[in-house]
C-alpha cells in the first residue's frame, strides 16, 4: 500500500520538528555551559591540565593574571604562554 501525499508530508513534518527540537536542545545546553564556565569559581575547584584565567589577591587587591595559567598534576600553576611555573595562590578561576 503506498502512502498518500498527506501521510508523506506528515512524516516529513514530524522529522523536521524533531530535528529542530534536538538542535534547540543542543544550543540551549551549549549556552548554559558557556554561561557556567564564564563565571568565576573558587580556586579549590580548578580543573587540572586546562588553560584558565585566574584571579589572585595581592595586598588586599584582587587582580586578574594577564596570561593563561594551567594547574598541573603536581598541583603547580604554570604560565601557559611561557611554560614556566608561577608562584601564586589563586582565589578564583574561569575558563
PDB file of N, CA and C in Angstrom:
ATOM      1  N   UNK A   1       0.845  -1.160   0.000  1.00  0.00           N
ATOM      2  CA  UNK A   1       0.000   0.000   0.000  1.00  0.00           C
ATOM      3  C   UNK A   1       0.905   1.243   0.000  1.00  0.00           C
ATOM      4  N   UNK A   2       0.668   2.160  -0.912  1.00  0.00           N
ATOM      5  CA  UNK A   2       1.516   3.344  -0.986  1.00  0.00           C
ATOM      6  C   UNK A   2       0.934   4.445  -0.097  1.00  0.00           C
ATOM      7  N   UNK A   3       1.832   5.283   0.356  1.00  0.00           N
ATOM      8  CA  UNK A   3       1.428   6.374   1.243  1.00  0.00           C
ATOM      9  C   UNK A   3       0.863   7.514   0.412  1.00  0.00           C
ATOM     10  N   UNK A   4      -0.093   8.169   0.992  1.00  0.00           N
ATOM     11  CA  UNK A   4      -0.660   9.330   0.310  1.00  0.00           C
ATOM     12  C   UNK A   4       0.265  10.514   0.516  1.00  0.00           C
ATOM     13  N   UNK A   5       0.049  11.546  -0.253  1.00  0.00           N
ATOM     14  CA  UNK A   5       0.860  12.752  -0.133  1.00  0.00           C
ATOM     15  C   UNK A   5       0.769  13.372   1.249  1.00  0.00           C
ATOM     16  N   UNK A   6      -0.413  13.303   1.858  1.00  0.00           N
ATOM     17  CA  UNK A   6      -0.597  13.879   3.194  1.00  0.00           C
ATOM     18  C   UNK A   6       0.191  13.091   4.226  1.00  0.00           C
ATOM     19  N   UNK A   7       0.190  11.764   4.110  1.00  0.00           N
ATOM     20  CA  UNK A   7       0.948  10.939   5.059  1.00  0.00           C
ATOM     21  C   UNK A   7       2.439  11.211   4.933  1.00  0.00           C
ATOM     22  N   UNK A   8       2.927  11.325   3.713  1.00  0.00           N
ATOM     23  CA  UNK A   8       4.350  11.622   3.496  1.00  0.00           C
ATOM     24  C   UNK A   8       4.695  12.989   4.064  1.00  0.00           C
ATOM     25  N   UNK A   9       3.833  13.976   3.834  1.00  0.00           N
ATOM     26  CA  UNK A   9       4.057  15.313   4.352  1.00  0.00           C
ATOM     27  C   UNK A   9       4.099  15.290   5.883  1.00  0.00           C
ATOM     28  N   UNK A  10       3.176  14.552   6.495  1.00  0.00           N
ATOM     29  CA  UNK A  10       3.116  14.453   7.951  1.00  0.00           C
ATOM     30  C   UNK A  10       4.411  13.849   8.501  1.00  0.00           C
ATOM     31  N   UNK A  11       4.914  12.785   7.903  1.00  0.00           N
ATOM     32  CA  UNK A  11       6.162  12.159   8.354  1.00  0.00           C
ATOM     33  C   UNK A  11       7.331  13.132   8.205  1.00  0.00           C
ATOM     34  N   UNK A  12       7.371  13.827   7.090  1.00  0.00           N
ATOM     35  CA  UNK A  12       8.442  14.795   6.853  1.00  0.00           C
ATOM     36  C   UNK A  12       8.377  15.919   7.885  1.00  0.00           C
ATOM     37  N   UNK A  13       7.190  16.415   8.153  1.00  0.00           N
ATOM     38  CA  UNK A  13       6.999  17.495   9.117  1.00  0.00           C
ATOM     39  C   UNK A  13       7.418  17.057  10.512  1.00  0.00           C
ATOM     40  N   UNK A  14       7.036  15.853  10.917  1.00  0.00           N
ATOM     41  CA  UNK A  14       7.398  15.344  12.235  1.00  0.00           C
ATOM     42  C   UNK A  14       8.915  15.225  12.356  1.00  0.00           C
ATOM     43  N   UNK A  15       9.585  14.717  11.337  1.00  0.00           N
ATOM     44  CA  UNK A  15      11.042  14.579  11.421  1.00  0.00           C
ATOM     45  C   UNK A  15      11.712  15.953  11.455  1.00  0.00           C
ATOM     46  N   UNK A  16      11.160  16.934  10.728  1.00  0.00           N
ATOM     47  CA  UNK A  16      11.714  18.296  10.771  1.00  0.00           C
ATOM     48  C   UNK A  16      11.535  18.919  12.149  1.00  0.00           C
ATOM     49  N   UNK A  17      10.393  18.710  12.758  1.00  0.00           N
ATOM     50  CA  UNK A  17      10.139  19.248  14.092  1.00  0.00           C
ATOM     51  C   UNK A  17      11.076  18.578  15.106  1.00  0.00           C
ATOM     52  N   UNK A  18      11.230  17.284  15.019  1.00  0.00           N
ATOM     53  CA  UNK A  18      12.129  16.563  15.926  1.00  0.00           C
ATOM     54  C   UNK A  18      13.560  17.071  15.773  1.00  0.00           C
ATOM     55  N   UNK A  19      13.992  17.283  14.553  1.00  0.00           N
ATOM     56  CA  UNK A  19      15.346  17.785  14.292  1.00  0.00           C
ATOM     57  C   UNK A  19      15.505  19.200  14.877  1.00  0.00           C
ATOM     58  N   UNK A  20      14.505  20.049  14.720  1.00  0.00           N
ATOM     59  CA  UNK A  20      14.553  21.409  15.265  1.00  0.00           C
ATOM     60  C   UNK A  20      14.618  21.383  16.788  1.00  0.00           C
ATOM     61  N   UNK A  21      13.872  20.475  17.400  1.00  0.00           N
ATOM     62  CA  UNK A  21      13.895  20.357  18.863  1.00  0.00           C
ATOM     63  C   UNK A  21      15.277  19.909  19.333  1.00  0.00           C
ATOM     64  N   UNK A  22      15.868  18.946  18.657  1.00  0.00           N
ATOM     65  CA  UNK A  22      17.204  18.465  19.030  1.00  0.00           C
ATOM     66  C   UNK A  22      18.240  19.576  18.877  1.00  0.00           C
ATOM     67  N   UNK A  23      18.179  20.333  17.791  1.00  0.00           N
ATOM     68  CA  UNK A  23      19.134  21.428  17.580  1.00  0.00           C
ATOM     69  C   UNK A  23      18.967  22.508  18.644  1.00  0.00           C
ATOM     70  N   UNK A  24      17.734  22.824  18.984  1.00  0.00           N
ATOM     71  CA  UNK A  24      17.472  23.819  20.023  1.00  0.00           C
ATOM     72  C   UNK A  24      17.976  23.328  21.374  1.00  0.00           C
ATOM     73  N   UNK A  25      17.756  22.061  21.668  1.00  0.00           N
ATOM     74  CA  UNK A  25      18.227  21.475  22.919  1.00  0.00           C
ATOM     75  C   UNK A  25      19.744  21.562  23.020  1.00  0.00           C
ATOM     76  N   UNK A  26      20.447  21.219  21.938  1.00  0.00           N
ATOM     77  CA  UNK A  26      21.913  21.307  21.929  1.00  0.00           C
ATOM     78  C   UNK A  26      22.371  22.753  22.120  1.00  0.00           C
ATOM     79  N   UNK A  27      21.705  23.698  21.463  1.00  0.00           N
ATOM     80  CA  UNK A  27      22.081  25.110  21.572  1.00  0.00           C
ATOM     81  C   UNK A  27      21.868  25.631  22.989  1.00  0.00           C
ATOM     82  N   UNK A  28      20.770  25.243  23.618  1.00  0.00           N
ATOM     83  CA  UNK A  28      20.493  25.674  24.993  1.00  0.00           C
ATOM     84  C   UNK A  28      21.542  25.103  25.940  1.00  0.00           C
ATOM     85  N   UNK A  29      21.872  23.829  25.799  1.00  0.00           N
ATOM     86  CA  UNK A  29      22.894  23.219  26.659  1.00  0.00           C
ATOM     87  C   UNK A  29      24.250  23.892  26.465  1.00  0.00           C
ATOM     88  N   UNK A  30      24.617  24.195  25.232  1.00  0.00           N
ATOM     89  CA  UNK A  30      25.893  24.868  24.959  1.00  0.00           C
ATOM     90  C   UNK A  30      25.911  26.257  25.590  1.00  0.00           C
ATOM     91  N   UNK A  31      24.808  26.984  25.491  1.00  0.00           N
ATOM     92  CA  UNK A  31      24.741  28.326  26.076  1.00  0.00           C
ATOM     93  C   UNK A  31      24.839  28.270  27.599  1.00  0.00           C
ATOM     94  N   UNK A  32      24.157  27.305  28.207  1.00  0.00           N
ATOM     95  CA  UNK A  32      24.222  27.167  29.659  1.00  0.00           C
ATOM     96  C   UNK A  32      25.630  26.788  30.118  1.00  0.00           C
ATOM     97  N   UNK A  33      26.271  25.905  29.388  1.00  0.00           N
ATOM     98  CA  UNK A  33      27.639  25.509  29.746  1.00  0.00           C
ATOM     99  C   UNK A  33      28.581  26.704  29.617  1.00  0.00           C
ATOM    100  N   UNK A  34      28.437  27.466  28.532  1.00  0.00           N
ATOM    101  CA  UNK A  34      29.282  28.654  28.342  1.00  0.00           C
ATOM    102  C   UNK A  34      29.062  29.644  29.481  1.00  0.00           C
ATOM    103  N   UNK A  35      27.796  29.872  29.845  1.00  0.00           N
ATOM    104  CA  UNK A  35      27.494  30.795  30.937  1.00  0.00           C
ATOM    105  C   UNK A  35      28.128  30.306  32.235  1.00  0.00           C
ATOM    106  N   UNK A  36      28.013  29.030  32.516  1.00  0.00           N
ATOM    107  CA  UNK A  36      28.588  28.465  33.739  1.00  0.00           C
ATOM    108  C   UNK A  36      30.104  28.636  33.751  1.00  0.00           C
ATOM    109  N   UNK A  37      30.760  28.333  32.636  1.00  0.00           N
ATOM    110  CA  UNK A  37      32.217  28.409  32.588  1.00  0.00           C
ATOM    111  C   UNK A  37      32.732  29.839  32.559  1.00  0.00           C
ATOM    112  N   UNK A  38      31.910  30.798  32.159  1.00  0.00           N
ATOM    113  CA  UNK A  38      32.373  32.184  32.106  1.00  0.00           C
ATOM    114  C   UNK A  38      32.298  32.853  33.480  1.00  0.00           C
ATOM    115  N   UNK A  39      31.673  32.192  34.433  1.00  0.00           N
ATOM    116  CA  UNK A  39      31.591  32.733  35.785  1.00  0.00           C
ATOM    117  C   UNK A  39      32.842  32.352  36.572  1.00  0.00           C
ATOM    118  N   UNK A  40      33.176  33.150  37.580  1.00  0.00           N
ATOM    119  CA  UNK A  40      34.323  32.863  38.437  1.00  0.00           C
ATOM    120  C   UNK A  40      33.956  31.768  39.441  1.00  0.00           C
ATOM    121  N   UNK A  41      34.895  30.838  39.648  1.00  0.00           N
ATOM    122  CA  UNK A  41      34.711  29.713  40.567  1.00  0.00           C
ATOM    123  C   UNK A  41      35.828  29.721  41.609  1.00  0.00           C
ATOM    124  N   UNK A  42      35.593  29.144  42.782  1.00  0.00           N
ATOM    125  CA  UNK A  42      36.652  29.078  43.803  1.00  0.00           C
ATOM    126  C   UNK A  42      37.873  28.316  43.274  1.00  0.00           C
ATOM    127  N   UNK A  43      39.047  28.801  43.647  1.00  0.00           N
ATOM    128  CA  UNK A  43      40.299  28.180  43.174  1.00  0.00           C
ATOM    129  C   UNK A  43      40.383  26.707  43.551  1.00  0.00           C
ATOM    130  N   UNK A  44      39.793  26.342  44.667  1.00  0.00           N
ATOM    131  CA  UNK A  44      39.866  24.944  45.116  1.00  0.00           C
ATOM    132  C   UNK A  44      39.178  23.989  44.143  1.00  0.00           C
ATOM    133  N   UNK A  45      38.331  24.507  43.262  1.00  0.00           N
ATOM    134  CA  UNK A  45      37.619  23.654  42.302  1.00  0.00           C
ATOM    135  C   UNK A  45      38.246  23.682  40.910  1.00  0.00           C
ATOM    136  N   UNK A  46      39.407  24.314  40.779  1.00  0.00           N
ATOM    137  CA  UNK A  46      40.047  24.450  39.466  1.00  0.00           C
ATOM    138  C   UNK A  46      40.407  23.080  38.885  1.00  0.00           C
ATOM    139  N   UNK A  47      40.077  22.857  37.614  1.00  0.00           N
ATOM    140  CA  UNK A  47      40.422  21.582  36.984  1.00  0.00           C
ATOM    141  C   UNK A  47      41.912  21.518  36.662  1.00  0.00           C
ATOM    142  N   UNK A  48      42.394  20.334  36.485  1.00  0.00           N
ATOM    143  CA  UNK A  48      43.793  20.116  36.120  1.00  0.00           C
ATOM    144  C   UNK A  48      43.946  20.131  34.602  1.00  0.00           C
ATOM    145  N   UNK A  49      45.120  20.554  34.151  1.00  0.00           N
ATOM    146  CA  UNK A  49      45.527  20.468  32.742  1.00  0.00           C
ATOM    147  C   UNK A  49      44.578  21.169  31.783  1.00  0.00           C
ATOM    148  N   UNK A  50      44.067  22.309  32.193  1.00  0.00           N
ATOM    149  CA  UNK A  50      43.237  23.140  31.324  1.00  0.00           C
ATOM    150  C   UNK A  50      43.707  24.581  31.445  1.00  0.00           C
ATOM    151  N   UNK A  51      43.708  25.304  30.334  1.00  0.00           N
ATOM    152  CA  UNK A  51      44.080  26.711  30.355  1.00  0.00           C
ATOM    153  C   UNK A  51      42.960  27.502  31.011  1.00  0.00           C
ATOM    154  N   UNK A  52      43.326  28.294  32.024  1.00  0.00           N
ATOM    155  CA  UNK A  52      42.344  29.028  32.804  1.00  0.00           C
ATOM    156  C   UNK A  52      42.764  30.477  32.998  1.00  0.00           C
ATOM    157  N   UNK A  53      41.790  31.306  33.237  1.00  0.00           N
ATOM    158  CA  UNK A  53      42.029  32.676  33.655  1.00  0.00           C
ATOM    159  C   UNK A  53      41.951  32.669  35.173  1.00  0.00           C
ATOM    160  N   UNK A  54      42.918  33.311  35.827  1.00  0.00           N
ATOM    161  CA  UNK A  54      42.971  33.280  37.285  1.00  0.00           C
ATOM    162  C   UNK A  54      42.909  34.674  37.879  1.00  0.00           C
ATOM    163  N   UNK A  55      42.355  34.728  39.067  1.00  0.00           N
ATOM    164  CA  UNK A  55      42.402  35.929  39.882  1.00  0.00           C
ATOM    165  C   UNK A  55      43.226  35.612  41.119  1.00  0.00           C
ATOM    166  N   UNK A  56      44.058  36.573  41.506  1.00  0.00           N
ATOM    167  CA  UNK A  56      44.876  36.439  42.706  1.00  0.00           C
ATOM    168  C   UNK A  56      44.643  37.673  43.572  1.00  0.00           C
ATOM    169  N   UNK A  57      44.940  37.546  44.851  1.00  0.00           N
ATOM    170  CA  UNK A  57      44.830  38.668  45.777  1.00  0.00           C
ATOM    171  C   UNK A  57      46.225  39.055  46.228  1.00  0.00           C
ATOM    172  N   UNK A  58      46.560  40.325  46.037  1.00  0.00           N
ATOM    173  CA  UNK A  58      47.870  40.815  46.448  1.00  0.00           C
ATOM    174  C   UNK A  58      47.660  42.114  47.210  1.00  0.00           C
ATOM    175  N   UNK A  59      48.071  42.120  48.459  1.00  0.00           N
ATOM    176  CA  UNK A  59      47.916  43.289  49.321  1.00  0.00           C
ATOM    177  C   UNK A  59      46.464  43.759  49.381  1.00  0.00           C
ATOM    178  N   UNK A  60      45.527  42.804  49.399  1.00  0.00           N
ATOM    179  CA  UNK A  60      44.115  43.131  49.509  1.00  0.00           C
ATOM    180  C   UNK A  60      43.449  43.543  48.210  1.00  0.00           C
ATOM    181  N   UNK A  61      44.212  43.573  47.121  1.00  0.00           N
ATOM    182  CA  UNK A  61      43.659  43.927  45.819  1.00  0.00           C
ATOM    183  C   UNK A  61      43.543  42.675  44.964  1.00  0.00           C
ATOM    184  N   UNK A  62      42.376  42.476  44.373  1.00  0.00           N
ATOM    185  CA  UNK A  62      42.168  41.316  43.505  1.00  0.00           C
ATOM    186  C   UNK A  62      42.563  41.700  42.086  1.00  0.00           C
ATOM    187  N   UNK A  63      43.439  40.885  41.501  1.00  0.00           N
ATOM    188  CA  UNK A  63      43.968  41.135  40.167  1.00  0.00           C
ATOM    189  C   UNK A  63      43.786  39.901  39.300  1.00  0.00           C
ATOM    190  N   UNK A  64      43.477  40.118  38.049  1.00  0.00           N
ATOM    191  CA  UNK A  64      43.391  39.014  37.096  1.00  0.00           C
ATOM    192  C   UNK A  64      44.757  38.842  36.442  1.00  0.00           C
ATOM    193  N   UNK A  65      45.237  37.616  36.405  1.00  0.00           N
ATOM    194  CA  UNK A  65      46.538  37.352  35.779  1.00  0.00           C
ATOM    195  C   UNK A  65      46.474  37.724  34.300  1.00  0.00           C
ATOM    196  N   UNK A  66      47.520  38.352  33.762  1.00  0.00           N
ATOM    197  CA  UNK A  66      47.492  38.812  32.372  1.00  0.00           C
ATOM    198  C   UNK A  66      47.808  37.726  31.343  1.00  0.00           C
ATOM    199  N   UNK A  67      47.920  36.498  31.789  1.00  0.00           N
ATOM    200  CA  UNK A  67      48.219  35.385  30.893  1.00  0.00           C
ATOM    201  C   UNK A  67      47.469  34.150  31.386  1.00  0.00           C
ATOM    202  N   UNK A  68      47.197  33.205  30.488  1.00  0.00           N
ATOM    203  CA  UNK A  68      46.509  31.981  30.923  1.00  0.00           C
ATOM    204  C   UNK A  68      47.429  31.122  31.784  1.00  0.00           C
ATOM    205  N   UNK A  69      46.823  30.440  32.740  1.00  0.00           N
ATOM    206  CA  UNK A  69      47.565  29.546  33.627  1.00  0.00           C
ATOM    207  C   UNK A  69      46.956  28.156  33.563  1.00  0.00           C
ATOM    208  N   UNK A  70      47.761  27.178  33.955  1.00  0.00           N
ATOM    209  CA  UNK A  70      47.303  25.789  33.960  1.00  0.00           C
ATOM    210  C   UNK A  70      47.755  25.135  35.258  1.00  0.00           C
ATOM    211  N   UNK A  71      46.847  24.405  35.880  1.00  0.00           N
ATOM    212  CA  UNK A  71      47.161  23.634  37.082  1.00  0.00           C
ATOM    213  C   UNK A  71      47.654  22.272  36.634  1.00  0.00           C
ATOM    214  N   UNK A  72      48.854  21.903  37.055  1.00  0.00           N
ATOM    215  CA  UNK A  72      49.433  20.629  36.631  1.00  0.00           C
ATOM    216  C   UNK A  72      49.019  19.515  37.580  1.00  0.00           C
ATOM    217  N   UNK A  73      49.319  18.284  37.186  1.00  0.00           N
ATOM    218  CA  UNK A  73      49.021  17.131  38.037  1.00  0.00           C
ATOM    219  C   UNK A  73      49.821  17.163  39.331  1.00  0.00           C
ATOM    220  N   UNK A  74      50.910  17.927  39.336  1.00  0.00           N
ATOM    221  CA  UNK A  74      51.721  18.070  40.548  1.00  0.00           C
ATOM    222  C   UNK A  74      51.191  19.192  41.437  1.00  0.00           C
ATOM    223  N   UNK A  75      50.021  19.727  41.079  1.00  0.00           N
ATOM    224  CA  UNK A  75      49.373  20.805  41.824  1.00  0.00           C
ATOM    225  C   UNK A  75      50.186  22.092  41.797  1.00  0.00           C
ATOM    226  N   UNK A  76      50.900  22.315  40.691  1.00  0.00           N
ATOM    227  CA  UNK A  76      51.624  23.564  40.465  1.00  0.00           C
ATOM    228  C   UNK A  76      50.854  24.365  39.423  1.00  0.00           C
ATOM    229  N   UNK A  77      51.072  25.665  39.428  1.00  0.00           N
ATOM    230  CA  UNK A  77      50.494  26.528  38.405  1.00  0.00           C
ATOM    231  C   UNK A  77      51.594  26.951  37.457  1.00  0.00           C
ATOM    232  N   UNK A  78      51.304  26.888  36.160  1.00  0.00           N
ATOM    233  CA  UNK A  78      52.292  27.331  35.178  1.00  0.00           C
ATOM    234  C   UNK A  78      51.692  28.425  34.290  1.00  0.00           C
ATOM    235  N   UNK A  79      52.580  29.284  33.800  1.00  0.00           N
ATOM    236  CA  UNK A  79      52.223  30.279  32.799  1.00  0.00           C
ATOM    237  C   UNK A  79      52.157  29.524  31.475  1.00  0.00           C
ATOM    238  N   UNK A  80      50.984  29.466  30.876  1.00  0.00           N
ATOM    239  CA  UNK A  80      50.806  28.676  29.654  1.00  0.00           C
ATOM    240  C   UNK A  80      51.637  29.231  28.507  1.00  0.00           C
ATOM    241  N   UNK A  81      51.715  30.557  28.410  1.00  0.00           N
ATOM    242  CA  UNK A  81      52.457  31.181  27.305  1.00  0.00           C
ATOM    243  C   UNK A  81      53.940  30.836  27.337  1.00  0.00           C
ATOM    244  N   UNK A  82      54.534  30.819  28.532  1.00  0.00           N
ATOM    245  CA  UNK A  82      55.970  30.569  28.654  1.00  0.00           C
ATOM    246  C   UNK A  82      56.311  29.146  29.090  1.00  0.00           C
ATOM    247  N   UNK A  83      55.333  28.423  29.638  1.00  0.00           N
ATOM    248  CA  UNK A  83      55.578  27.062  30.095  1.00  0.00           C
ATOM    249  C   UNK A  83      56.408  26.990  31.358  1.00  0.00           C
ATOM    250  N   UNK A  84      56.402  28.056  32.157  1.00  0.00           N
ATOM    251  CA  UNK A  84      57.194  28.091  33.383  1.00  0.00           C
ATOM    252  C   UNK A  84      56.272  28.160  34.601  1.00  0.00           C
ATOM    253  N   UNK A  85      56.727  27.609  35.734  1.00  0.00           N
ATOM    254  CA  UNK A  85      55.920  27.683  36.954  1.00  0.00           C
ATOM    255  C   UNK A  85      55.773  29.126  37.435  1.00  0.00           C
ATOM    256  N   UNK A  86      54.649  29.426  38.046  1.00  0.00           N
ATOM    257  CA  UNK A  86      54.426  30.725  38.677  1.00  0.00           C
ATOM    258  C   UNK A  86      54.069  30.486  40.134  1.00  0.00           C
ATOM    259  N   UNK A  87      54.597  31.315  40.996  1.00  0.00           N
ATOM    260  CA  UNK A  87      54.363  31.185  42.430  1.00  0.00           C
ATOM    261  C   UNK A  87      53.173  32.058  42.813  1.00  0.00           C
ATOM    262  N   UNK A  88      51.986  31.493  42.706  1.00  0.00           N
ATOM    263  CA  UNK A  88      50.760  32.223  43.008  1.00  0.00           C
ATOM    264  C   UNK A  88      49.837  31.359  43.833  1.00  0.00           C
ATOM    265  N   UNK A  89      48.924  32.001  44.505  1.00  0.00           N
ATOM    266  CA  UNK A  89      47.841  31.322  45.216  1.00  0.00           C
ATOM    267  C   UNK A  89      46.551  31.933  44.681  1.00  0.00           C
ATOM    268  N   UNK A  90      45.996  31.352  43.618  1.00  0.00           N
ATOM    269  CA  UNK A  90      44.782  31.929  43.038  1.00  0.00           C
ATOM    270  C   UNK A  90      43.608  31.849  44.005  1.00  0.00           C
ATOM    271  N   UNK A  91      42.672  32.775  43.831  1.00  0.00           N
ATOM    272  CA  UNK A  91      41.455  32.741  44.644  1.00  0.00           C
ATOM    273  C   UNK A  91      40.264  32.325  43.823  1.00  0.00           C
ATOM    274  N   UNK A  92      40.330  32.574  42.484  1.00  0.00           N
ATOM    275  CA  UNK A  92      39.225  32.219  41.596  1.00  0.00           C
ATOM    276  C   UNK A  92      39.759  31.849  40.221  1.00  0.00           C
ATOM    277  N   UNK A  93      38.937  31.126  39.470  1.00  0.00           N
ATOM    278  CA  UNK A  93      39.282  30.749  38.098  1.00  0.00           C
ATOM    279  C   UNK A  93      38.046  30.782  37.235  1.00  0.00           C
ATOM    280  N   UNK A  94      38.280  30.873  35.924  1.00  0.00           N
ATOM    281  CA  UNK A  94      37.226  30.671  34.916  1.00  0.00           C
ATOM    282  C   UNK A  94      37.885  30.236  33.630  1.00  0.00           C
ATOM    283  N   UNK A  95      37.095  29.604  32.790  1.00  0.00           N
ATOM    284  CA  UNK A  95      37.616  29.085  31.519  1.00  0.00           C
ATOM    285  C   UNK A  95      37.951  30.233  30.582  1.00  0.00           C
TER     286      UNK A  95
END
